[in-house]
Amino acid sequence: MTYKPKSEFLHVMQTRGFLQDCTDLEGLDDRLLKGIVSAYIGFDATADSLHVGSLIQIMMLRLLQKTGHKPITLMGGGTTKIGDPSGKDESRQLLSSDKINENITGIRKVFSKYLTFGDGAQDAIQPNNADWLDQLNYVEFLRDYGRHFTINRMLSFDSVKLRLEREQPLTFLEFNYMLLQAYDFMELNKRYGVALQMGGSDQWGNIVNGVDLTRRISQTQVFGLTTPLLTKADGSKMGKSAAGAIWLNEDKLSSYEFWQFWRNTMDADVGKFLRLFTELPLDECARLSALEGAEINDAKIVLADAVTTLAHGAKAATAAQATAREVFEKGGVGDDLPTISVAACDLSEAGISVVQLLVKAGLVGSGKEAKRQISDGGARLNDAPIANAGVMISAGELSATVKLSVGKKRHALARLG
């Protein structure tokens, strides 16, 4: 991409590595220079929190607001009932309306940490596409809008093509998703003057459909842009770790575990993550990412502190770092380690097996994995190797709190409660 944007938003997007494709980069740049632009990203409510796989989108919306424009976090209360086939190998479980609304409430907590909501010209808003999609008359919808979509073109999009190539079923319900997402863009343009849709590169086809439909129906020029598909240096997706999803809500993942995820970043990813997920100046990002040997760990601590401060606040970041220092440098327990409560009804006369406890603490994914870690010497109880998988933890031990560890970086506390 040789064009050098003049608007602050696109300039920062480009220099920090957010920008992949744009339907009309120069046209969007001109539009941004002329005044406030409203832009949206859609989020389906499949869980009651987002995870770090969505963080690049959230940072884009934050950047948009900080450079003088209006972010819109569109909740997919309607589209969640169908399911986006993009990047999926199989159909996802359909959720009830009540569960979707409950999830939207949880997701709002994430956005409130990064964006300012309100009634001002640059304040974020959070509409729900159920407000218009639930009211659609299906026959009229197909007649008025379905004629603008050809099956030939829809079959060419990766979200459809990849599923068919893998011989994975793609339901007609999911096939409709791209029509509804395009309709969302047109509806947001009518209601709120939205001129830009943003998303990951896997959303390019859906975004282009929305740009095209809005142009055809409303005779309005709108724009779309995407970010690169974000993977870690080992090729794995952002958003998950060995222990599970890295949630952005603290009630689903402790600030210590969140901080530790970023502290464990691979050396090769440090510079990229500093540019995308922090607001440190670019020259400081470059300086930190150039550190070598043991010094790169200093950069990882800066990264973990900065990302955790945005997500959970400076106090949580400081506490997480202090706990890490206590656990790793001094061999202590640490005040901020994730803690699980074990109910008395879960205990037999002998207590609870250490295998069950490791699973319950989320340090392993299954009892089989717990037994393997124990046999390999990778699991510890109160910093001592666990002798065998038959070890039982008594009610008395849990009354005083026990520390569980798997490997060097996964720790949790368990107590009777």
Protein backbone atom coordinates (compact mmCIF):
# COMPACT_ATOMS: atom_id res chain seq x y z
CA MET A 1 0.00 0.00 0.00
CA THR A 2 1.96 3.01 -1.30
CA TYR A 3 -0.60 5.77 -0.58
CA LYS A 4 0.31 7.81 2.51
CA PRO A 5 -2.86 8.96 4.31
CA LYS A 6 -3.19 12.57 5.47
CA SER A 7 -5.90 12.01 8.10
CA GLU A 8 -4.65 11.23 11.59
CA PHE A 9 -6.79 8.11 11.94
CA LEU A 10 -5.58 6.40 8.76
CA HIS A 11 -2.00 7.58 9.27
CA VAL A 12 -1.86 5.94 12.71
CA MET A 13 -3.69 2.86 11.40
CA GLN A 14 -1.11 2.44 8.67
CA THR A 15 2.02 3.15 10.72
CA ARG A 16 1.00 0.87 13.60
CA GLY A 17 0.08 -2.05 11.34
CA PHE A 18 -3.72 -2.09 11.52
CA LEU A 19 -4.44 -1.53 7.84
CA GLN A 20 -4.89 -4.43 5.40
CA ASP A 21 -7.40 -3.46 2.69
CA CYS A 22 -9.72 -0.53 2.01
CA THR A 23 -12.44 -0.17 -0.60
CA ASP A 24 -11.25 3.39 -1.43
CA LEU A 25 -8.37 4.55 0.72
CA GLU A 26 -7.98 8.01 -0.82
CA GLY A 27 -11.72 8.62 -0.79
CA LEU A 28 -11.98 7.62 2.86
CA ASP A 29 -8.97 9.76 3.71
CA ASP A 30 -10.67 12.81 2.15
CA ARG A 31 -13.87 12.06 4.04
CA LEU A 32 -12.02 11.84 7.36
CA LEU A 33 -10.36 15.19 6.72
CA LYS A 34 -13.72 16.90 6.15
CA GLY A 35 -15.27 16.16 9.56
CA ILE A 36 -16.46 13.55 12.01
CA VAL A 37 -16.94 10.09 10.49
CA SER A 38 -19.12 7.46 12.16
CA ALA A 39 -17.69 3.96 11.81
CA TYR A 40 -18.80 0.61 13.11
CA ILE A 41 -17.66 -2.90 13.83
CA GLY A 42 -20.18 -5.67 14.44
CA PHE A 43 -19.86 -8.13 17.31
CA ASP A 44 -22.07 -11.17 17.63
CA ALA A 45 -23.09 -12.03 21.18
CA THR A 46 -22.00 -15.67 21.34
CA ALA A 47 -20.54 -15.33 24.87
CA ASP A 48 -20.89 -12.91 27.79
CA SER A 49 -17.42 -11.47 27.12
CA LEU A 50 -15.08 -10.91 24.20
CA HIS A 51 -11.59 -12.41 24.23
CA VAL A 52 -8.27 -11.02 23.04
CA GLY A 53 -9.02 -12.19 19.49
CA SER A 54 -11.38 -9.17 19.34
CA LEU A 55 -8.93 -6.76 20.92
CA ILE A 56 -7.50 -5.48 17.64
CA GLN A 57 -11.04 -4.42 16.62
CA ILE A 58 -11.61 -2.72 19.98
CA MET A 59 -8.29 -0.86 19.70
CA MET A 60 -9.33 0.37 16.25
CA LEU A 61 -12.55 1.81 17.64
CA ARG A 62 -10.60 3.44 20.47
CA LEU A 63 -8.16 4.93 17.98
CA LEU A 64 -11.07 6.20 15.88
CA GLN A 65 -12.53 8.02 18.88
CA LYS A 66 -9.17 9.41 20.02
CA THR A 67 -8.63 10.93 16.56
CA GLY A 68 -11.94 12.79 16.66
CA HIS A 69 -14.48 10.40 15.14
CA LYS A 70 -17.50 8.41 16.33
CA PRO A 71 -17.23 4.68 17.09
CA ILE A 72 -20.26 2.39 16.91
CA THR A 73 -20.16 -1.04 18.52
CA LEU A 74 -22.96 -2.86 16.74
CA MET A 75 -24.35 -5.73 18.77
CA GLY A 76 -25.52 -8.66 16.68
CA GLY A 77 -28.65 -9.48 18.64
CA GLY A 78 -30.26 -10.48 15.35
CA THR A 79 -27.35 -12.05 13.48
CA THR A 80 -26.27 -14.08 16.53
CA LYS A 81 -29.48 -16.04 16.00
CA ILE A 82 -28.03 -17.23 12.68
CA GLY A 83 -24.27 -17.43 13.08
CA ASP A 84 -21.48 -16.03 10.92
CA PRO A 85 -19.90 -18.83 8.83
CA SER A 86 -16.69 -16.82 8.29
CA GLY A 87 -13.67 -18.79 9.48
CA LYS A 88 -15.84 -21.56 10.93
CA ASP A 89 -15.68 -25.27 10.11
CA GLU A 90 -19.13 -26.06 11.42
CA SER A 91 -22.42 -24.50 12.42
CA ARG A 92 -22.46 -23.00 15.89
CA GLN A 93 -25.05 -23.65 18.56
CA LEU A 94 -28.10 -21.40 18.33
CA LEU A 95 -28.80 -19.28 21.41
CA SER A 96 -32.09 -18.05 22.87
CA SER A 97 -32.98 -14.34 22.79
CA ASP A 98 -32.65 -14.14 26.59
CA LYS A 99 -29.15 -15.64 26.49
CA ILE A 100 -28.13 -13.29 23.67
CA ASN A 101 -29.32 -10.26 25.65
CA GLU A 102 -27.47 -11.51 28.73
CA ASN A 103 -24.30 -11.83 26.64
CA ILE A 104 -24.72 -8.29 25.26
CA THR A 105 -24.80 -6.94 28.82
CA GLY A 106 -21.52 -8.69 29.57
CA ILE A 107 -19.86 -7.48 26.38
CA ARG A 108 -20.84 -3.86 27.13
CA LYS A 109 -18.55 -4.04 30.19
CA VAL A 110 -15.59 -4.65 27.89
CA PHE A 111 -16.29 -1.66 25.65
CA SER A 112 -16.83 0.68 28.58
CA LYS A 113 -13.14 0.26 29.49
CA TYR A 114 -11.91 1.40 26.08
CA LEU A 115 -14.54 3.85 24.78
CA THR A 116 -16.52 6.84 26.02
CA PHE A 117 -20.26 6.33 25.52
CA GLY A 118 -22.80 9.15 25.50
CA ASP A 119 -24.81 11.58 23.40
CA GLY A 120 -21.94 13.74 22.13
CA ALA A 121 -20.89 13.98 18.50
CA GLN A 122 -17.85 11.74 19.09
CA ASP A 123 -19.34 9.55 21.84
CA ALA A 124 -19.71 5.85 21.17
CA ILE A 125 -23.13 4.24 20.80
CA GLN A 126 -24.13 0.57 20.86
CA PRO A 127 -27.14 -0.24 18.69
CA ASN A 128 -28.50 -3.77 18.36
CA ASN A 129 -29.29 -5.12 14.91
CA ALA A 130 -32.21 -7.09 16.38
CA ASP A 131 -34.02 -3.74 16.41
CA TRP A 132 -34.39 -3.91 12.63
CA LEU A 133 -33.64 -7.53 11.67
CA ASP A 134 -36.33 -8.95 13.97
CA GLN A 135 -38.91 -6.79 12.19
CA LEU A 136 -38.04 -7.88 8.65
CA ASN A 137 -40.73 -9.37 6.47
CA TYR A 138 -38.74 -12.17 4.86
CA VAL A 139 -40.51 -12.20 1.49
CA GLU A 140 -40.27 -8.43 1.13
CA PHE A 141 -36.64 -8.53 2.25
CA LEU A 142 -35.74 -11.09 -0.43
CA ARG A 143 -37.67 -9.18 -3.07
CA ASP A 144 -36.16 -5.80 -2.25
CA TYR A 145 -32.59 -6.79 -1.39
CA GLY A 146 -31.97 -10.42 -2.36
CA ARG A 147 -31.96 -9.52 -6.06
CA HIS A 148 -28.76 -7.51 -5.52
CA PHE A 149 -26.82 -10.67 -4.51
CA THR A 150 -25.87 -13.35 -7.01
CA ILE A 151 -25.28 -16.93 -5.89
CA ASN A 152 -22.21 -16.99 -8.16
CA ARG A 153 -20.59 -14.17 -6.20
CA MET A 154 -21.68 -15.45 -2.80
CA LEU A 155 -20.08 -18.82 -3.55
CA SER A 156 -16.78 -17.08 -4.35
CA PHE A 157 -16.33 -15.68 -0.81
CA ASP A 158 -13.89 -17.50 1.44
CA SER A 159 -16.46 -17.84 4.24
CA VAL A 160 -18.51 -20.08 1.94
CA LYS A 161 -15.83 -21.55 -0.32
CA LEU A 162 -13.65 -22.91 2.51
CA ARG A 163 -16.56 -24.67 4.18
CA LEU A 164 -17.56 -26.32 0.90
CA GLU A 165 -13.97 -27.32 0.07
CA ARG A 166 -13.67 -29.01 3.47
CA GLU A 167 -17.01 -30.75 2.83
CA GLN A 168 -18.37 -29.20 6.02
CA PRO A 169 -22.12 -28.51 5.98
CA LEU A 170 -23.18 -24.90 5.43
CA THR A 171 -26.82 -24.34 6.30
CA PHE A 172 -29.11 -22.07 4.31
CA LEU A 173 -29.58 -20.14 7.56
CA GLU A 174 -25.85 -19.30 7.65
CA PHE A 175 -25.83 -18.59 3.91
CA ASN A 176 -28.22 -15.72 4.64
CA TYR A 177 -25.74 -14.13 7.06
CA MET A 178 -23.92 -12.08 4.45
CA LEU A 179 -27.19 -10.56 3.22
CA LEU A 180 -28.12 -9.49 6.74
CA GLN A 181 -24.68 -8.03 7.47
CA ALA A 182 -24.85 -6.01 4.26
CA TYR A 183 -28.33 -4.84 5.29
CA ASP A 184 -26.90 -3.77 8.67
CA PHE A 185 -24.48 -1.36 6.97
CA MET A 186 -27.25 0.17 4.88
CA GLU A 187 -29.52 0.50 7.93
CA LEU A 188 -26.77 2.08 10.06
CA ASN A 189 -26.08 4.53 7.26
CA LYS A 190 -29.75 5.53 7.19
CA ARG A 191 -30.17 5.77 10.97
CA TYR A 192 -26.83 7.20 12.08
CA GLY A 193 -25.03 8.35 8.94
CA VAL A 194 -22.42 5.60 9.30
CA ALA A 195 -19.86 5.88 6.51
CA LEU A 196 -17.35 3.18 7.38
CA GLN A 197 -17.41 -0.48 8.38
CA MET A 198 -14.26 -2.05 9.80
CA GLY A 199 -13.39 -5.65 10.57
CA GLY A 200 -10.88 -8.44 10.25
CA SER A 201 -9.67 -9.59 6.85
CA ASP A 202 -12.04 -12.59 7.01
CA GLN A 203 -14.92 -10.08 6.86
CA TRP A 204 -13.80 -8.47 3.58
CA GLY A 205 -16.51 -10.12 1.46
CA ASN A 206 -19.28 -9.20 3.91
CA ILE A 207 -18.02 -5.61 4.13
CA VAL A 208 -17.82 -5.20 0.35
CA ASN A 209 -21.40 -6.49 0.08
CA GLY A 210 -22.54 -3.79 2.52
CA VAL A 211 -20.70 -1.05 0.65
CA ASP A 212 -22.25 -2.21 -2.62
CA LEU A 213 -25.80 -2.58 -1.24
CA THR A 214 -25.73 0.87 0.38
CA ARG A 215 -24.55 2.39 -2.90
CA ARG A 216 -27.26 0.63 -4.91
CA ILE A 217 -30.20 1.25 -2.56
CA SER A 218 -29.33 4.56 -0.88
CA GLN A 219 -27.12 6.05 -3.62
CA THR A 220 -24.59 6.83 -0.87
CA GLN A 221 -20.85 6.32 -0.91
CA VAL A 222 -19.62 4.38 2.10
CA PHE A 223 -16.31 2.68 2.82
CA GLY A 224 -14.89 -0.51 4.22
CA LEU A 225 -11.50 -1.44 5.62
CA THR A 226 -9.98 -4.51 7.18
CA THR A 227 -7.11 -5.41 9.48
CA PRO A 228 -4.66 -8.24 8.79
CA LEU A 229 -5.50 -11.69 10.09
CA LEU A 230 -3.65 -11.73 13.38
CA THR A 231 -1.71 -14.82 14.34
CA LYS A 232 1.07 -15.44 16.80
CA ALA A 233 4.62 -16.20 15.69
CA ASP A 234 3.96 -19.95 15.95
CA GLY A 235 0.98 -19.62 13.58
CA SER A 236 -1.70 -20.10 16.25
CA LYS A 237 -4.71 -17.79 16.56
CA MET A 238 -4.90 -14.92 19.01
CA GLY A 239 -7.45 -15.39 21.75
CA LYS A 240 -6.58 -18.72 23.28
CA SER A 241 -3.91 -20.27 25.47
CA ALA A 242 -3.24 -23.77 26.68
CA ALA A 243 -5.65 -23.16 29.55
CA GLY A 244 -8.47 -21.76 27.38
CA ALA A 245 -9.81 -18.46 26.06
CA ILE A 246 -8.17 -15.21 27.20
CA TRP A 247 -11.31 -13.31 28.15
CA LEU A 248 -11.41 -9.53 28.48
CA ASN A 249 -13.89 -9.47 31.39
CA GLU A 250 -12.22 -9.91 34.77
CA ASP A 251 -15.09 -12.02 36.10
CA LYS A 252 -14.19 -14.64 33.47
CA LEU A 253 -10.39 -14.40 33.70
CA SER A 254 -8.41 -12.84 36.53
CA SER A 255 -6.26 -9.79 35.83
CA TYR A 256 -3.23 -11.84 36.90
CA GLU A 257 -3.92 -14.54 34.26
CA PHE A 258 -4.58 -11.82 31.69
CA TRP A 259 -1.32 -10.06 32.56
CA GLN A 260 0.56 -13.37 32.47
CA PHE A 261 -0.74 -14.13 28.96
CA TRP A 262 0.93 -10.97 27.64
CA ARG A 263 4.05 -11.53 29.76
CA ASN A 264 4.42 -14.90 28.02
CA THR A 265 4.38 -13.35 24.52
CA MET A 266 6.86 -14.93 22.10
CA ASP A 267 9.93 -12.79 21.46
CA ALA A 268 9.06 -12.40 17.77
CA ASP A 269 5.61 -10.97 18.59
CA VAL A 270 6.64 -8.29 21.09
CA GLY A 271 7.06 -5.42 18.62
CA LYS A 272 3.82 -6.18 16.76
CA PHE A 273 1.80 -6.48 19.96
CA LEU A 274 3.25 -3.25 21.38
CA ARG A 275 2.16 -1.39 18.23
CA LEU A 276 -1.33 -2.91 18.09
CA PHE A 277 -2.36 -3.30 21.71
CA THR A 278 -0.70 -0.39 23.52
CA GLU A 279 -0.57 3.35 23.01
CA LEU A 280 3.17 3.65 23.50
CA PRO A 281 4.94 5.87 20.92
CA LEU A 282 6.26 3.99 17.90
CA ASP A 283 9.88 4.80 18.66
CA GLU A 284 9.47 3.29 22.14
CA CYS A 285 7.84 0.19 20.63
CA ALA A 286 10.81 -0.14 18.29
CA ARG A 287 13.32 0.29 21.11
CA LEU A 288 11.64 -2.33 23.27
CA SER A 289 11.22 -4.86 20.48
CA ALA A 290 14.92 -4.55 19.59
CA LEU A 291 15.99 -5.79 23.03
CA GLU A 292 17.70 -9.16 22.99
CA GLY A 293 18.42 -12.03 25.34
CA ALA A 294 17.07 -11.70 28.86
CA GLU A 295 16.34 -8.00 28.29
CA ILE A 296 13.40 -8.82 26.01
CA ASN A 297 11.60 -9.87 29.20
CA ASP A 298 11.62 -6.21 30.26
CA ALA A 299 9.73 -5.39 27.05
CA LYS A 300 7.22 -8.16 27.77
CA ILE A 301 6.55 -6.72 31.23
CA VAL A 302 5.96 -3.28 29.69
CA LEU A 303 3.57 -4.90 27.19
CA ALA A 304 1.70 -6.82 29.91
CA ASP A 305 1.43 -3.72 32.11
CA ALA A 306 0.16 -1.50 29.28
CA VAL A 307 -2.44 -3.95 27.95
CA THR A 308 -3.69 -4.88 31.43
CA THR A 309 -3.95 -1.20 32.40
CA LEU A 310 -6.26 -0.56 29.44
CA ALA A 311 -8.38 -3.65 30.12
CA HIS A 312 -8.53 -3.68 33.93
CA GLY A 313 -6.91 -0.49 35.22
CA ALA A 314 -3.46 0.50 36.50
CA LYS A 315 -4.11 -0.94 39.97
CA ALA A 316 -4.82 -4.39 38.55
CA ALA A 317 -1.71 -4.26 36.36
CA THR A 318 0.48 -3.31 39.33
CA ALA A 319 -1.00 -6.09 41.48
CA ALA A 320 -0.54 -8.65 38.70
CA GLN A 321 3.12 -7.72 38.25
CA ALA A 322 3.70 -7.90 42.01
CA THR A 323 2.11 -11.36 42.14
CA ALA A 324 4.25 -12.54 39.24
CA ARG A 325 7.37 -11.32 41.01
CA GLU A 326 6.34 -13.04 44.23
CA VAL A 327 5.54 -16.32 42.48
CA PHE A 328 8.44 -16.52 40.04
CA GLU A 329 11.29 -14.66 41.69
CA LYS A 330 10.65 -15.42 45.36
CA GLY A 331 8.81 -18.72 45.13
CA GLY A 332 5.89 -17.37 47.16
CA VAL A 333 2.15 -17.67 46.78
CA GLY A 334 1.25 -14.19 45.51
CA ASP A 335 -1.78 -12.15 46.49
CA ASP A 336 -3.36 -11.94 43.04
CA LEU A 337 -3.28 -15.58 41.88
CA PRO A 338 -6.60 -16.93 40.59
CA THR A 339 -8.43 -18.64 43.43
CA ILE A 340 -11.09 -21.34 43.28
CA SER A 341 -13.47 -22.29 46.07
CA VAL A 342 -14.15 -25.94 46.78
CA ALA A 343 -17.55 -26.64 48.30
CA ALA A 344 -17.78 -29.06 51.21
CA CYS A 345 -20.30 -31.12 49.24
CA ASP A 346 -17.58 -31.80 46.62
CA LEU A 347 -15.43 -33.55 49.20
CA SER A 348 -15.50 -37.20 50.16
CA GLU A 349 -14.28 -38.37 53.56
CA ALA A 350 -10.75 -38.41 52.17
CA GLY A 351 -11.16 -35.00 50.50
CA ILE A 352 -10.79 -34.33 46.75
CA SER A 353 -8.30 -35.84 44.32
CA VAL A 354 -5.50 -33.63 43.09
CA VAL A 355 -6.50 -34.57 39.53
CA GLN A 356 -10.00 -33.16 40.05
CA LEU A 357 -8.55 -30.06 41.64
CA LEU A 358 -6.17 -29.36 38.75
CA VAL A 359 -9.07 -29.61 36.31
CA LYS A 360 -11.36 -27.49 38.51
CA ALA A 361 -8.66 -24.81 38.74
CA GLY A 362 -8.46 -24.63 34.94
CA LEU A 363 -4.77 -25.50 34.90
CA VAL A 364 -5.42 -28.50 32.65
CA GLY A 365 -8.16 -29.29 30.21
CA SER A 366 -8.94 -32.82 31.36
CA GLY A 367 -8.18 -35.46 33.93
CA LYS A 368 -6.09 -37.26 31.32
CA GLU A 369 -3.91 -34.19 30.87
CA ALA A 370 -3.61 -33.80 34.66
CA LYS A 371 -2.36 -37.38 35.01
CA ARG A 372 0.15 -36.86 32.20
CA GLN A 373 1.48 -33.70 33.83
CA ILE A 374 1.81 -35.51 37.15
CA SER A 375 3.64 -38.48 35.62
CA ASP A 376 5.98 -36.11 33.74
CA GLY A 377 6.77 -34.17 36.91
CA GLY A 378 5.12 -31.00 35.61
CA ALA A 379 2.42 -30.65 38.29
CA ARG A 380 3.10 -29.38 41.81
CA LEU A 381 1.23 -28.97 45.06
CA ASN A 382 2.51 -26.17 47.30
CA ASP A 383 5.61 -26.02 45.03
CA ALA A 384 6.45 -29.71 45.62
CA PRO A 385 6.12 -32.28 42.80
CA ILE A 386 2.93 -34.35 43.08
CA ALA A 387 3.96 -37.93 43.77
CA ASN A 388 1.13 -39.65 41.91
CA ALA A 389 -2.36 -39.10 40.50
CA GLY A 390 -3.97 -40.75 43.53
CA VAL A 391 -3.01 -37.96 45.94
CA MET A 392 -6.02 -36.63 47.91
CA ILE A 393 -6.35 -33.10 49.32
CA SER A 394 -8.12 -33.10 52.68
CA ALA A 395 -10.64 -30.56 53.98
CA GLY A 396 -8.06 -29.46 56.54
CA GLU A 397 -5.48 -28.67 53.87
CA LEU A 398 -8.06 -26.69 51.86
CA SER A 399 -9.00 -24.70 54.95
CA ALA A 400 -5.47 -23.31 54.95
CA THR A 401 -5.38 -22.79 51.12
CA VAL A 402 -3.23 -24.86 48.75
CA LYS A 403 -1.20 -23.71 45.77
CA LEU A 404 -1.43 -25.69 42.51
CA SER A 405 1.01 -25.34 39.64
CA VAL A 406 1.37 -26.81 36.16
CA GLY A 407 4.64 -26.03 34.41
CA LYS A 408 6.45 -22.84 35.29
CA LYS A 409 3.75 -20.35 34.38
CA ARG A 410 0.35 -21.73 35.40
CA HIS A 411 -0.62 -21.33 39.05
CA ALA A 412 -3.82 -21.18 41.10
CA LEU A 413 -4.93 -21.27 44.72
CA ALA A 414 -7.68 -23.52 46.08
CA ARG A 415 -9.48 -23.18 49.36
CA LEU A 416 -12.56 -24.46 51.11
CA GLY A 417 -15.45 -22.12 50.57
